[in-house]
Protein backbone atom coordinates (compact mmCIF):
# COMPACT_ATOMS: atom_id res chain seq x y z
CA MET A 1 -45.21 151.54 -141.23
CA ASN A 2 -44.06 149.00 -138.65
CA ASN A 3 -40.85 149.39 -136.65
CA LEU A 4 -38.88 146.90 -138.73
CA LYS A 5 -39.71 148.74 -141.97
CA LYS A 6 -38.80 152.06 -140.31
CA PHE A 7 -35.49 150.57 -139.23
CA PHE A 8 -34.59 149.43 -142.77
CA VAL A 9 -35.66 152.76 -144.27
CA PHE A 10 -33.44 154.55 -141.75
CA ILE A 11 -30.49 152.25 -142.48
CA SER A 12 -30.92 152.90 -146.21
CA LEU A 13 -30.93 156.66 -145.61
CA THR A 14 -27.85 156.37 -143.40
CA ILE A 15 -25.96 154.34 -145.98
CA GLY A 16 -26.88 156.98 -148.55
CA LEU A 17 -25.65 159.70 -146.20
CA VAL A 18 -22.27 158.04 -145.65
CA GLY A 19 -22.03 157.15 -149.33
CA SER A 20 -22.66 160.72 -150.42
CA ALA A 21 -20.01 161.92 -147.98
CA PHE A 22 -17.51 159.51 -149.53
CA SER A 23 -18.39 160.56 -153.07
CA GLN A 24 -17.94 164.23 -152.21
CA PHE A 25 -14.85 163.95 -149.99
CA ASP A 26 -13.18 160.64 -150.92
CA PRO A 27 -9.94 160.81 -148.91
CA THR A 28 -8.23 158.19 -151.09
CA GLY A 29 -8.73 159.89 -154.43
CA VAL A 30 -9.49 163.59 -154.47
CA THR A 31 -7.37 165.31 -151.83
CA SER A 32 -5.39 162.53 -150.13
CA ALA A 33 -3.29 159.49 -150.98
CA ILE A 34 -2.71 156.48 -148.75
CA VAL A 35 0.89 156.23 -147.55
CA ALA A 36 0.44 153.07 -145.50
CA GLN A 37 -2.24 151.05 -143.76
CA ALA A 38 -2.16 149.31 -140.38
CA GLY A 39 0.59 146.70 -140.14
CA THR A 40 2.75 148.28 -142.86
CA GLU A 41 6.41 149.28 -142.69
CA LEU A 42 7.50 152.38 -144.60
CA VAL A 43 10.24 151.79 -147.18
CA VAL A 44 13.45 153.78 -146.63
CA ASP A 45 13.91 156.59 -149.20
CA ARG A 46 10.62 155.84 -151.01
CA LEU A 47 8.71 158.99 -151.99
CA TYR A 48 5.01 158.86 -151.01
CA TYR A 49 3.37 161.63 -153.09
CA SER A 50 0.20 163.61 -152.49
CA PRO A 51 -2.35 163.26 -155.34
CA ASN A 52 -1.45 166.70 -156.71
CA LYS A 53 2.28 165.72 -156.67
CA PHE A 54 3.17 168.98 -154.86
CA TYR A 55 4.30 167.19 -151.67
CA TYR A 56 5.80 163.89 -150.62
CA LEU A 57 6.61 162.00 -147.43
CA THR A 58 9.82 160.03 -147.15
CA PHE A 59 11.47 157.95 -144.42
CA GLN A 60 15.05 158.99 -145.02
CA ALA A 61 18.14 156.81 -144.65
CA ASP A 62 19.17 159.02 -141.69
CA GLY A 63 15.99 157.91 -139.90
CA ASN A 64 14.05 161.15 -140.17
CA LEU A 65 10.41 161.06 -141.33
CA VAL A 66 9.93 164.20 -143.45
CA VAL A 67 7.31 165.88 -145.66
CA TYR A 68 8.85 167.93 -148.47
CA LYS A 69 7.44 170.30 -151.04
CA ALA A 70 8.34 168.70 -154.36
CA GLY A 71 10.80 170.53 -156.61
CA THR A 72 14.44 171.40 -156.72
CA THR A 73 14.49 173.24 -153.38
CA ARG A 74 13.16 170.32 -151.29
CA GLN A 75 11.50 172.66 -148.81
CA VAL A 76 10.67 170.90 -145.51
CA ILE A 77 6.98 171.19 -144.54
CA TRP A 78 7.17 168.91 -141.47
CA ALA A 79 9.73 166.58 -139.87
CA ALA A 80 9.49 164.09 -137.02
CA ALA A 81 13.06 164.85 -135.86
CA SER A 82 13.56 161.09 -135.66
CA ASN A 83 17.19 161.04 -136.84
CA GLY A 84 18.83 157.73 -135.99
CA GLY A 85 15.64 155.76 -136.61
CA THR A 86 16.00 152.57 -138.63
CA ARG A 87 12.41 151.41 -139.14
CA ALA A 88 9.02 153.17 -139.40
CA PHE A 89 5.57 151.59 -139.12
CA VAL A 90 1.86 152.26 -139.13
CA GLN A 91 1.15 149.73 -136.39
CA THR A 92 -1.98 147.63 -135.95
CA ASP A 93 -2.70 149.52 -132.70
CA GLY A 94 -3.10 152.74 -134.74
CA ASN A 95 0.23 154.27 -133.74
CA VAL A 96 2.79 155.58 -136.27
CA VAL A 97 6.24 154.89 -134.81
CA VAL A 98 9.89 155.30 -135.79
CA TYR A 99 12.23 152.85 -134.03
CA ARG A 100 16.00 152.76 -133.60
CA GLY A 101 17.20 149.15 -133.73
CA GLU A 102 14.95 146.44 -132.32
CA VAL A 103 11.21 147.08 -132.64
CA VAL A 104 10.34 147.39 -128.94
CA PRO A 105 8.66 150.34 -127.14
CA ARG A 106 11.84 151.50 -125.39
CA ASN A 107 13.50 152.00 -128.81
CA ALA A 108 10.84 154.37 -130.15
CA VAL A 109 12.47 157.58 -131.44
CA TRP A 110 9.17 159.24 -132.43
CA ALA A 111 5.46 158.29 -132.25
CA SER A 112 2.12 159.84 -133.15
CA ASN A 113 0.83 158.63 -129.73
CA THR A 114 -2.42 157.38 -131.24
CA GLY A 115 -2.14 153.73 -130.18
CA THR A 116 -5.00 152.01 -128.39
CA PRO A 117 -5.24 148.60 -126.69
CA HIS A 118 -7.59 147.47 -129.48
CA LEU A 119 -6.69 146.29 -132.97
CA GLN A 120 -7.17 149.09 -135.53
CA GLU A 121 -7.10 147.33 -138.89
CA GLN A 122 -8.78 150.39 -140.46
CA ALA A 123 -5.92 152.74 -139.51
CA ARG A 124 -4.45 154.55 -142.52
CA LEU A 125 -1.79 157.24 -142.93
CA TYR A 126 -2.56 159.73 -145.71
CA ILE A 127 -0.64 162.57 -147.33
CA ASN A 128 -2.89 165.44 -148.34
CA ASN A 129 -2.80 168.00 -151.13
CA ASP A 130 -2.03 170.74 -148.57
CA GLY A 131 1.23 169.06 -147.49
CA SER A 132 -0.13 167.64 -144.23
CA LEU A 133 -0.23 164.05 -143.05
CA TYR A 134 -3.44 162.64 -141.62
CA LEU A 135 -3.80 159.46 -139.57
CA PHE A 136 -7.30 157.99 -139.89
CA GLY A 137 -8.13 155.65 -137.02
CA ASN A 138 -9.79 155.40 -133.61
CA LYS A 139 -7.52 158.26 -132.55
CA GLN A 140 -6.63 160.82 -135.18
CA TRP A 141 -3.47 162.81 -135.73
CA SER A 142 -2.28 165.28 -138.34
CA SER A 143 0.85 167.25 -139.10
CA PRO A 144 0.76 170.93 -140.05
CA ALA A 145 -0.17 171.94 -143.59
CA ASP A 146 2.02 174.08 -145.81
CA PRO A 147 1.24 177.66 -144.66
CA ARG A 148 2.14 178.96 -148.12
CA ARG A 149 -0.28 176.73 -150.05
CA PRO A 150 -2.95 178.41 -152.19
CA PRO A 151 -6.19 178.85 -150.18
CA GLU A 152 -9.02 176.47 -151.04
CA SER A 153 -12.45 176.03 -149.52
CA CYS A 154 -11.88 172.44 -148.38
CA GLU A 155 -8.75 170.50 -149.18
CA VAL A 156 -9.03 167.77 -146.55
CA ALA A 157 -12.17 166.08 -145.27
CA ARG A 158 -12.14 164.73 -141.72
CA ARG A 159 -13.89 161.76 -140.17
CA PHE A 160 -16.54 162.69 -137.60
CA PRO A 161 -18.41 160.09 -135.49
CA VAL A 162 -22.22 159.88 -135.57
CA CYS A 163 -24.63 157.70 -133.65
CA VAL A 164 -27.09 155.87 -135.91
CA LEU A 165 -30.47 155.04 -134.29
CA PRO A 166 -29.48 157.02 -131.17
CA HIS A 167 -32.70 156.23 -129.25
CA SER A 168 -32.76 152.52 -130.07
CA SER A 169 -31.13 149.51 -128.44
CA ALA A 170 -29.80 148.73 -131.95
CA ARG A 171 -27.79 152.01 -132.06
CA PHE A 172 -24.25 151.94 -133.40
CA THR A 173 -21.45 154.40 -134.09
CA SER A 174 -20.61 155.20 -137.71
CA PHE A 175 -19.01 158.27 -139.29
CA VAL A 176 -19.38 160.96 -141.92
CA LEU A 177 -16.66 162.79 -143.83
CA ALA A 178 -16.86 166.58 -143.73
CA CYS A 179 -14.69 169.68 -143.82
CA THR A 180 -16.01 171.21 -140.59
CA VAL A 181 -17.85 170.20 -137.43
CA ASP A 182 -20.88 172.20 -138.61
CA ASP A 183 -20.93 170.30 -141.93
CA ALA A 184 -20.74 167.00 -140.04
CA ARG A 185 -23.60 168.04 -137.70
CA ARG A 186 -25.75 168.95 -140.72
CA GLN A 187 -25.04 165.60 -142.40
CA ALA A 188 -25.89 163.72 -139.20
CA ALA A 189 -29.15 165.63 -138.73
CA ALA A 190 -30.12 165.05 -142.38
CA GLY A 191 -29.84 161.31 -141.83
CA GLY A 192 -31.58 161.29 -138.46
CA ALA A 193 -28.36 160.41 -136.63
CA ALA A 194 -26.89 162.12 -133.56
CA PHE A 195 -23.53 163.86 -133.81
CA GLY A 196 -20.86 162.07 -131.77
CA GLU A 197 -20.27 158.51 -130.64
CA CYS A 198 -23.12 156.44 -129.18
CA GLN A 199 -23.18 156.39 -125.39
């Protein structure tokens, strides 16, 4: 088999690997729901529910960004302590920020500190079935899960980088979705990729 055929066979296997990871751990359907994507402003007092409807995120009128357990008690799972904020965004630099007044850096009340100098159009903020938030982007961030949730084997899949064609000049960084680092390493090895970003 010549090198070009080997390359296309490898790419097909890699696409299958990533595809199978998505089908098993789809973060937009099974365990997580998208709150907002890059360039989106959160709506004040809107309730952004987890898929299981047990938790929701809201940007309150008092400016605080809060995850609650749904129900009559409104138990707080996590809060940004951003009281006084007036606007909240998932920015195109991958940062989640609450501002007070004019949208300029000096007016930031709270931030996930995940911004990069590069455009991150793929950045997404999710709310998970365990009550945590998860920011999917070049830099990742998450809030704590509900410590009183029922135990499950894997509620939230994470994005792990892999290097496709690691020994070739055509190498590129992709990712797999897995529950643990060991799972991600196994998926990478099964597809002939190297765990971690390409160097």
